[in-house]
Amino acid sequence: MIAPKDTATATQRRPWNPLAILLVSLFCTPLPGGILHALNYSRLGRPAQVRPTLISNVLMALIIVFIGYRSSMMARPDYQMKLLGLFLTVVVSIHFYRSQVRTFRAQLAQGGRSGGWVTPCLVGIVSACVLLAGDFGIQYMQLREFDRGVSLLEAKQYAEAEQIFERYKKDDPTMADAYYNLAIVYANSGRDQLAVQELQNYLKLSPFDGEARRFLESLKGRGDSAHANGNGTVDH
């Protein structure tokens, strides 16, 4: 009669090298790194830690990924947010490594074998591709919406165009084109003072745009002329 094998020993898989998880987290964001880190606890013989670690890692990684996406979606990157995201990524990645490296080395010292680098690297590559595709999709949709605002402006549908460009200005105060297009909207709908303000905001971001400066001067001249006429002076 064959004695039954130890179930825990028979089903336990080889643990991944924590260094591989650290590198995946650094170069492919902590989201895939956090998932690998949590699953590796099962391979290290501590299955009870998988579920709580997975939940906390995913939540933490989503915050870091959101910070990165928020910065990348701006016309001019917010470098403070980028540095914050980078700092958190490094700290979290080091945590993934340090929390498992001793257990991993102890298993190797007892004759255990490493699960290798292939699976962590594949997970990292696939995750990076998914995140890049998502980033590209978001930016593409934003570009399409901005182009729709330009089309509405050209079609003289100023109210709808104004809503789109105001939203862009609010979401990213450094997006110069939103100010310029708003200035056109306001100038063509008889709100010259607002147009002047938007052009001044635009020129703070693009100070060497000669066409915008001529546009601004023409609006100011039109305003001075209207003011003079309002005071009883004839405009010839």
Protein backbone atom coordinates (compact mmCIF):
# COMPACT_ATOMS: atom_id res chain seq x y z
CA MET A 1 0.00 0.00 0.00
CA ILE A 2 1.38 3.40 -1.02
CA ALA A 3 1.38 5.99 1.76
CA PRO A 4 -0.45 9.22 0.88
CA LYS A 5 1.77 12.19 0.21
CA ASP A 6 1.76 15.32 2.29
CA THR A 7 -0.89 17.48 0.55
CA ALA A 8 0.70 20.81 1.47
CA THR A 9 4.10 19.72 0.19
CA ALA A 10 2.67 18.14 -2.95
CA THR A 11 0.65 21.14 -4.07
CA GLN A 12 3.05 23.94 -3.05
CA ARG A 13 4.67 25.48 -6.09
CA ARG A 14 8.12 26.95 -6.35
CA PRO A 15 8.27 30.55 -5.08
CA TRP A 16 9.11 33.38 -7.42
CA ASN A 17 12.26 35.36 -6.77
CA PRO A 18 11.28 38.56 -4.89
CA LEU A 19 13.83 40.45 -7.01
CA ALA A 20 11.77 39.60 -10.11
CA ILE A 21 8.66 40.95 -8.40
CA LEU A 22 10.52 44.14 -7.44
CA LEU A 23 11.60 44.72 -11.05
CA VAL A 24 8.11 44.04 -12.41
CA SER A 25 6.71 46.55 -9.92
CA LEU A 26 9.29 49.19 -10.82
CA PHE A 27 9.04 48.93 -14.60
CA CYS A 28 5.44 47.74 -15.10
CA THR A 29 3.72 49.60 -12.22
CA PRO A 30 2.97 48.13 -8.75
CA LEU A 31 -0.33 46.66 -9.98
CA PRO A 32 1.13 43.49 -11.55
CA GLY A 33 3.92 43.54 -8.97
CA GLY A 34 1.39 43.65 -6.14
CA ILE A 35 -0.60 40.75 -7.57
CA LEU A 36 2.54 38.63 -7.96
CA HIS A 37 3.66 39.60 -4.44
CA ALA A 38 0.37 38.45 -2.94
CA LEU A 39 0.23 35.19 -4.90
CA ASN A 40 3.84 34.42 -3.99
CA TYR A 41 2.86 34.04 -0.33
CA SER A 42 1.06 30.83 -1.29
CA ARG A 43 4.26 29.56 -2.92
CA LEU A 44 6.21 30.52 0.19
CA GLY A 45 3.95 28.36 2.35
CA ARG A 46 1.85 31.20 3.83
CA PRO A 47 -1.50 30.95 1.99
CA ALA A 48 -3.43 32.81 4.70
CA GLN A 49 -1.66 36.03 3.71
CA VAL A 50 -2.67 35.88 0.06
CA ARG A 51 -6.17 37.38 0.27
CA PRO A 52 -5.53 40.38 2.62
CA THR A 53 -2.25 41.15 0.87
CA LEU A 54 -3.89 41.02 -2.55
CA ILE A 55 -6.64 43.45 -1.51
CA SER A 56 -4.24 45.97 0.07
CA ASN A 57 -1.73 45.72 -2.79
CA VAL A 58 -4.35 46.26 -5.49
CA LEU A 59 -5.85 49.29 -3.71
CA MET A 60 -2.42 50.82 -3.16
CA ALA A 61 -1.37 50.12 -6.74
CA LEU A 62 -4.55 51.65 -8.19
CA ILE A 63 -3.83 54.88 -6.31
CA ILE A 64 -0.31 55.00 -7.76
CA VAL A 65 -1.56 54.16 -11.26
CA PHE A 66 -4.20 56.91 -10.97
CA ILE A 67 -1.53 59.45 -10.02
CA GLY A 68 0.47 58.46 -13.08
CA TYR A 69 -2.53 58.63 -15.41
CA ARG A 70 -3.64 61.97 -13.99
CA SER A 71 -0.25 63.46 -14.74
CA SER A 72 0.09 61.93 -18.21
CA MET A 73 -3.34 63.18 -19.30
CA MET A 74 -2.33 66.81 -18.77
CA ALA A 75 -1.08 68.85 -21.70
CA ARG A 76 1.92 69.83 -19.59
CA PRO A 77 2.88 67.11 -17.12
CA ASP A 78 2.58 67.88 -13.43
CA TYR A 79 6.11 67.03 -12.30
CA GLN A 80 5.20 67.06 -8.62
CA MET A 81 2.62 64.35 -9.25
CA LYS A 82 5.12 62.43 -11.38
CA LEU A 83 7.70 62.55 -8.59
CA LEU A 84 5.08 61.47 -6.04
CA GLY A 85 4.07 58.54 -8.22
CA LEU A 86 7.71 57.55 -8.76
CA PHE A 87 8.49 57.80 -5.06
CA LEU A 88 5.51 55.65 -4.09
CA THR A 89 6.40 53.10 -6.78
CA VAL A 90 9.95 52.76 -5.44
CA VAL A 91 8.80 52.49 -1.81
CA VAL A 92 6.14 49.90 -2.58
CA SER A 93 8.48 47.86 -4.80
CA ILE A 94 11.12 47.73 -2.07
CA HIS A 95 8.42 46.63 0.38
CA PHE A 96 7.44 43.77 -1.95
CA TYR A 97 11.06 42.61 -1.99
CA ARG A 98 11.90 43.01 1.69
CA SER A 99 8.72 41.34 2.94
CA GLN A 100 9.53 38.05 1.19
CA VAL A 101 13.27 37.83 0.56
CA ARG A 102 14.13 36.25 3.94
CA THR A 103 11.51 33.51 3.61
CA PHE A 104 12.57 32.92 0.02
CA ARG A 105 16.25 32.57 0.97
CA ALA A 106 15.37 30.29 3.89
CA GLN A 107 13.54 27.94 1.54
CA LEU A 108 16.50 27.89 -0.85
CA ALA A 109 18.82 27.14 2.08
CA GLN A 110 16.66 24.13 2.96
CA GLY A 111 17.03 22.74 -0.54
CA GLY A 112 14.06 24.41 -2.19
CA ARG A 113 14.15 25.71 -5.76
CA SER A 114 13.14 29.04 -7.24
CA GLY A 115 10.15 29.30 -9.53
CA GLY A 116 12.21 31.37 -11.95
CA TRP A 117 11.67 34.65 -13.74
CA VAL A 118 9.63 33.65 -16.75
CA THR A 119 6.13 33.96 -15.25
CA PRO A 120 6.76 37.29 -13.44
CA CYS A 121 8.31 38.76 -16.60
CA LEU A 122 5.41 37.61 -18.78
CA VAL A 123 2.88 39.02 -16.31
CA GLY A 124 4.78 42.31 -16.26
CA ILE A 125 4.97 42.56 -20.05
CA VAL A 126 1.28 41.76 -20.54
CA SER A 127 0.26 44.23 -17.80
CA ALA A 128 2.45 46.96 -19.26
CA CYS A 129 0.88 46.43 -22.68
CA VAL A 130 -2.63 46.62 -21.19
CA LEU A 131 -1.82 49.81 -19.27
CA LEU A 132 -0.21 51.43 -22.32
CA ALA A 133 -3.22 50.51 -24.44
CA GLY A 134 -5.53 52.01 -21.82
CA ASP A 135 -3.46 55.19 -21.67
CA PHE A 136 -3.48 55.47 -25.47
CA GLY A 137 -7.25 54.89 -25.55
CA ILE A 138 -7.91 57.62 -22.98
CA GLN A 139 -5.71 60.13 -24.77
CA TYR A 140 -7.31 59.24 -28.10
CA MET A 141 -10.80 59.82 -26.70
CA GLN A 142 -9.71 63.14 -25.24
CA LEU A 143 -8.27 64.20 -28.60
CA ARG A 144 -11.48 63.25 -30.37
CA GLU A 145 -13.53 65.28 -27.90
CA PHE A 146 -11.27 68.32 -28.37
CA ASP A 147 -11.55 67.95 -32.15
CA ARG A 148 -15.32 67.83 -31.75
CA GLY A 149 -15.15 71.17 -29.94
CA VAL A 150 -13.14 72.63 -32.83
CA SER A 151 -15.73 71.32 -35.32
CA LEU A 152 -18.53 72.90 -33.28
CA LEU A 153 -16.60 76.16 -33.22
CA GLU A 154 -16.18 76.10 -37.00
CA ALA A 155 -19.90 75.35 -37.34
CA LYS A 156 -20.64 78.42 -35.17
CA GLN A 157 -22.27 76.30 -32.48
CA TYR A 158 -20.65 78.42 -29.82
CA ALA A 159 -22.61 77.28 -26.76
CA GLU A 160 -21.67 73.62 -27.18
CA ALA A 161 -18.07 74.44 -28.12
CA GLU A 162 -17.76 76.65 -25.04
CA GLN A 163 -18.81 73.79 -22.76
CA ILE A 164 -16.15 71.49 -24.19
CA PHE A 165 -13.29 74.01 -23.98
CA GLU A 166 -14.33 75.14 -20.49
CA ARG A 167 -14.17 71.52 -19.35
CA TYR A 168 -10.69 71.13 -20.84
CA LYS A 169 -9.54 74.35 -19.18
CA LYS A 170 -10.88 73.18 -15.82
CA ASP A 171 -9.34 69.70 -16.10
CA ASP A 172 -5.95 71.03 -17.22
CA PRO A 173 -5.25 74.74 -16.58
CA THR A 174 -2.02 74.46 -18.60
CA MET A 175 -3.76 73.50 -21.87
CA ALA A 176 -3.10 76.62 -23.93
CA ASP A 177 -5.31 75.70 -26.91
CA ALA A 178 -8.39 75.58 -24.67
CA TYR A 179 -7.90 79.26 -23.77
CA TYR A 180 -7.34 80.28 -27.38
CA ASN A 181 -10.45 78.50 -28.64
CA LEU A 182 -12.50 79.98 -25.82
CA ALA A 183 -11.27 83.41 -26.85
CA ILE A 184 -12.59 82.75 -30.38
CA VAL A 185 -15.91 81.57 -28.95
CA TYR A 186 -16.29 84.68 -26.82
CA ALA A 187 -15.14 87.06 -29.57
CA ASN A 188 -17.66 85.62 -32.04
CA SER A 189 -20.50 85.70 -29.54
CA GLY A 190 -20.02 89.37 -28.58
CA ARG A 191 -18.18 88.85 -25.27
CA ASP A 192 -14.98 90.69 -26.01
CA GLN A 193 -13.91 91.23 -22.39
CA LEU A 194 -13.98 87.49 -21.73
CA ALA A 195 -12.14 86.90 -25.01
CA VAL A 196 -9.41 89.32 -23.92
CA GLN A 197 -9.05 87.50 -20.60
CA GLU A 198 -8.73 84.12 -22.29
CA LEU A 199 -6.16 85.44 -24.77
CA GLN A 200 -4.12 86.90 -21.92
CA ASN A 201 -4.23 83.50 -20.21
CA TYR A 202 -3.20 81.86 -23.47
CA LEU A 203 -0.24 84.20 -23.95
CA LYS A 204 1.04 83.37 -20.47
CA LEU A 205 1.46 79.81 -21.71
CA SER A 206 2.46 80.68 -25.30
CA PRO A 207 4.13 84.11 -25.06
CA PHE A 208 5.69 84.00 -28.54
CA ASP A 209 2.49 83.54 -30.55
CA GLY A 210 2.38 86.67 -32.71
CA GLU A 211 -1.01 85.85 -34.22
CA ALA A 212 -2.58 85.64 -30.77
CA ARG A 213 -1.06 89.01 -29.83
CA ARG A 214 -2.52 90.61 -32.97
CA PHE A 215 -5.87 89.02 -32.13
CA LEU A 216 -5.65 90.49 -28.63
CA GLU A 217 -4.79 93.95 -29.93
CA SER A 218 -7.69 93.87 -32.36
CA LEU A 219 -10.09 92.97 -29.54
CA LYS A 220 -8.73 95.74 -27.34
CA GLY A 221 -9.04 98.18 -30.23
CA ARG A 222 -12.60 97.08 -30.84
CA GLY A 223 -13.35 97.59 -27.17
CA ASP A 224 -11.80 101.06 -27.11
CA SER A 225 -13.82 101.99 -30.19
CA ALA A 226 -17.05 100.76 -28.62
CA HIS A 227 -16.25 102.63 -25.41
CA ALA A 228 -15.60 105.83 -27.35
CA ASN A 229 -18.90 105.48 -29.21
CA GLY A 230 -20.66 104.93 -25.94
CA ASN A 231 -19.35 108.30 -24.73
CA GLY A 232 -20.77 110.13 -27.73
CA THR A 233 -17.71 110.10 -29.96
CA VAL A 234 -18.28 109.20 -33.56
CA ASP A 235 -16.23 106.26 -34.86
CA HIS A 236 -15.22 106.76 -38.48
